[in-house]
Amino acid sequence: MAANLLSDIANHVEFLGYKVTKKDETMYNAVPATPDANRLSFSIHLTDKGGLLFLAAFSTTDNVKADQIGVLEFVNAGNVGAYTARFVWSGDYGIFIEGYYPSAYDKRAFGEFINTWLTEVTTFLNSDKARVAKYIKSEESKSSE
């Protein structure tokens, strides 16, 4: 059942224009099938409860260490307006945006979930670009390291 859930979700995400690759029996990675700065890459993890955790991970800038209160306020601002997304700062590991989907696949319910989650994440990341740039490394800065 869990393998079917992960497979059904991967197929649905591919239908939405993502390239989905299987990392192992409990994890898939999803990246936009065509390059698009407005589309998010994320991973899908099968949880021990049988549901799925959607996870977008972001490396942080050096500003985070100097402004921990500011980064907590930044992450909290994401949580304030979110219904499906949970914004988390995990110290040296970065900023994560999560979403949990329960263990039963339904095309319509999943479609509503993934659309809401992706919209919440991208809306937040595009809402205050200066603040995002202060705490989250850009793709360009990650590739030059």
Protein backbone atom coordinates (compact mmCIF):
# COMPACT_ATOMS: atom_id res chain seq x y z
CA MET A 1 0.00 0.00 0.00
CA ALA A 2 2.75 2.48 0.93
CA ALA A 3 4.68 1.72 -2.27
CA ASN A 4 1.50 2.28 -4.29
CA LEU A 5 0.91 5.61 -2.55
CA LEU A 6 4.42 6.81 -3.34
CA SER A 7 4.12 5.60 -6.94
CA ASP A 8 0.68 7.21 -7.43
CA ILE A 9 1.93 10.51 -6.01
CA ALA A 10 5.09 10.40 -8.16
CA ASN A 11 2.95 9.88 -11.27
CA HIS A 12 0.68 12.78 -10.30
CA VAL A 13 3.66 15.08 -9.68
CA GLU A 14 5.11 14.10 -13.09
CA PHE A 15 1.76 15.00 -14.67
CA LEU A 16 2.19 18.47 -13.13
CA GLY A 17 5.42 18.99 -15.06
CA TYR A 18 8.09 17.61 -12.77
CA LYS A 19 10.81 15.06 -13.39
CA VAL A 20 10.55 12.59 -10.53
CA THR A 21 13.40 10.23 -9.67
CA LYS A 22 13.42 7.46 -7.12
CA LYS A 23 16.25 7.80 -4.61
CA ASP A 24 15.29 4.71 -2.58
CA GLU A 25 12.19 2.80 -1.44
CA THR A 26 11.04 5.67 0.76
CA MET A 27 12.15 8.80 -1.10
CA TYR A 28 11.68 10.51 -4.46
CA ASN A 29 13.11 13.80 -5.73
CA ALA A 30 11.04 16.15 -7.90
CA VAL A 31 12.53 18.88 -10.08
CA PRO A 32 10.83 20.97 -12.75
CA ALA A 33 10.97 19.07 -16.06
CA THR A 34 12.01 22.29 -17.79
CA PRO A 35 14.12 24.97 -16.12
CA ASP A 36 11.88 27.51 -14.43
CA ALA A 37 13.02 29.86 -11.66
CA ASN A 38 9.43 30.06 -10.39
CA ARG A 39 9.04 26.32 -9.89
CA LEU A 40 10.26 24.59 -6.78
CA SER A 41 12.37 21.44 -6.45
CA PHE A 42 11.43 19.18 -3.54
CA SER A 43 11.65 15.67 -2.17
CA ILE A 44 8.88 13.27 -1.17
CA HIS A 45 9.46 10.98 1.82
CA LEU A 46 7.37 8.04 2.98
CA THR A 47 6.89 8.45 6.75
CA ASP A 48 6.75 5.69 9.34
CA LYS A 49 3.02 6.46 9.72
CA GLY A 50 2.42 5.68 6.03
CA GLY A 51 1.82 9.27 4.88
CA LEU A 52 4.13 11.44 2.82
CA LEU A 53 6.32 14.36 3.83
CA PHE A 54 6.99 16.90 1.10
CA LEU A 55 10.21 18.79 1.77
CA ALA A 56 11.79 21.80 0.08
CA ALA A 57 15.26 22.44 1.52
CA PHE A 58 17.19 25.70 1.31
CA SER A 59 20.78 26.47 2.29
CA THR A 60 21.12 29.60 4.36
CA THR A 61 23.40 32.61 4.04
CA ASP A 62 25.91 33.78 6.61
CA ASN A 63 23.36 36.39 7.74
CA VAL A 64 21.49 33.67 9.63
CA LYS A 65 24.22 33.26 12.25
CA ALA A 66 24.36 37.00 12.91
CA ASP A 67 20.59 37.52 12.94
CA GLN A 68 18.94 34.50 14.54
CA ILE A 69 15.94 36.50 15.76
CA GLY A 70 15.45 37.85 12.24
CA VAL A 71 15.51 34.38 10.68
CA LEU A 72 13.01 33.11 13.26
CA GLU A 73 10.72 36.03 12.44
CA PHE A 74 11.19 35.24 8.73
CA VAL A 75 10.26 31.58 9.20
CA ASN A 76 7.36 32.49 11.48
CA ALA A 77 6.00 34.86 8.82
CA GLY A 78 5.76 31.85 6.51
CA ASN A 79 3.86 29.85 9.09
CA VAL A 80 1.39 32.63 9.85
CA GLY A 81 -0.28 32.51 6.44
CA ALA A 82 0.14 28.81 5.67
CA TYR A 83 -2.48 26.07 5.79
CA THR A 84 -0.52 23.15 4.36
CA ALA A 85 3.08 24.34 4.58
CA ARG A 86 5.24 24.38 7.68
CA PHE A 87 8.34 26.58 7.65
CA VAL A 88 11.25 25.41 9.82
CA TRP A 89 14.75 26.71 10.50
CA SER A 90 17.09 23.93 11.52
CA GLY A 91 20.26 25.72 12.58
CA ASP A 92 23.24 24.75 10.43
CA TYR A 93 21.10 22.49 8.21
CA GLY A 94 19.08 25.27 6.62
CA ILE A 95 15.49 26.32 6.15
CA PHE A 96 12.93 23.68 5.27
CA ILE A 97 9.39 23.99 4.04
CA GLU A 98 7.34 20.89 4.73
CA GLY A 99 3.92 19.58 3.90
CA TYR A 100 2.29 16.36 5.11
CA TYR A 101 -0.09 14.31 2.99
CA PRO A 102 -1.96 11.40 4.65
CA SER A 103 -1.79 7.79 3.55
CA ALA A 104 -4.70 7.53 1.10
CA TYR A 105 -4.28 8.72 -2.50
CA ASP A 106 -7.22 10.53 -4.01
CA LYS A 107 -6.56 12.41 -7.26
CA ARG A 108 -8.71 15.43 -6.37
CA ALA A 109 -7.60 15.67 -2.72
CA PHE A 110 -3.93 15.34 -3.65
CA GLY A 111 -4.33 17.88 -6.43
CA GLU A 112 -5.75 20.39 -3.95
CA PHE A 113 -3.00 19.62 -1.43
CA ILE A 114 -0.07 19.93 -3.85
CA ASN A 115 -1.47 23.05 -5.50
CA THR A 116 -2.00 24.72 -2.11
CA TRP A 117 1.43 23.68 -0.80
CA LEU A 118 3.31 24.82 -3.90
CA THR A 119 1.35 28.09 -3.99
CA GLU A 120 2.05 28.81 -0.32
CA VAL A 121 5.75 28.12 -0.75
CA THR A 122 6.23 30.12 -3.94
CA THR A 123 4.06 33.00 -2.71
CA PHE A 124 6.17 33.22 0.44
CA LEU A 125 9.46 33.02 -1.46
CA ASN A 126 8.32 35.76 -3.85
CA SER A 127 6.65 38.02 -1.27
CA ASP A 128 9.72 39.79 0.11
CA LYS A 129 12.67 39.07 -2.16
CA ALA A 130 15.10 41.19 -0.14
CA ARG A 131 14.30 39.26 3.03
CA VAL A 132 14.50 35.92 1.20
CA ALA A 133 17.90 36.89 -0.25
CA LYS A 134 19.09 37.89 3.22
CA TYR A 135 18.54 34.38 4.63
CA ILE A 136 18.34 31.89 1.73
CA LYS A 137 21.23 31.25 -0.67
CA SER A 138 20.37 31.77 -4.31
CA GLU A 139 20.95 28.99 -6.81
CA GLU A 140 23.75 31.08 -8.36
CA SER A 141 25.61 31.43 -5.06
CA LYS A 142 25.25 27.71 -4.31
CA SER A 143 26.69 26.72 -7.70
CA SER A 144 29.70 29.03 -7.31
CA GLU A 145 30.80 27.45 -4.00
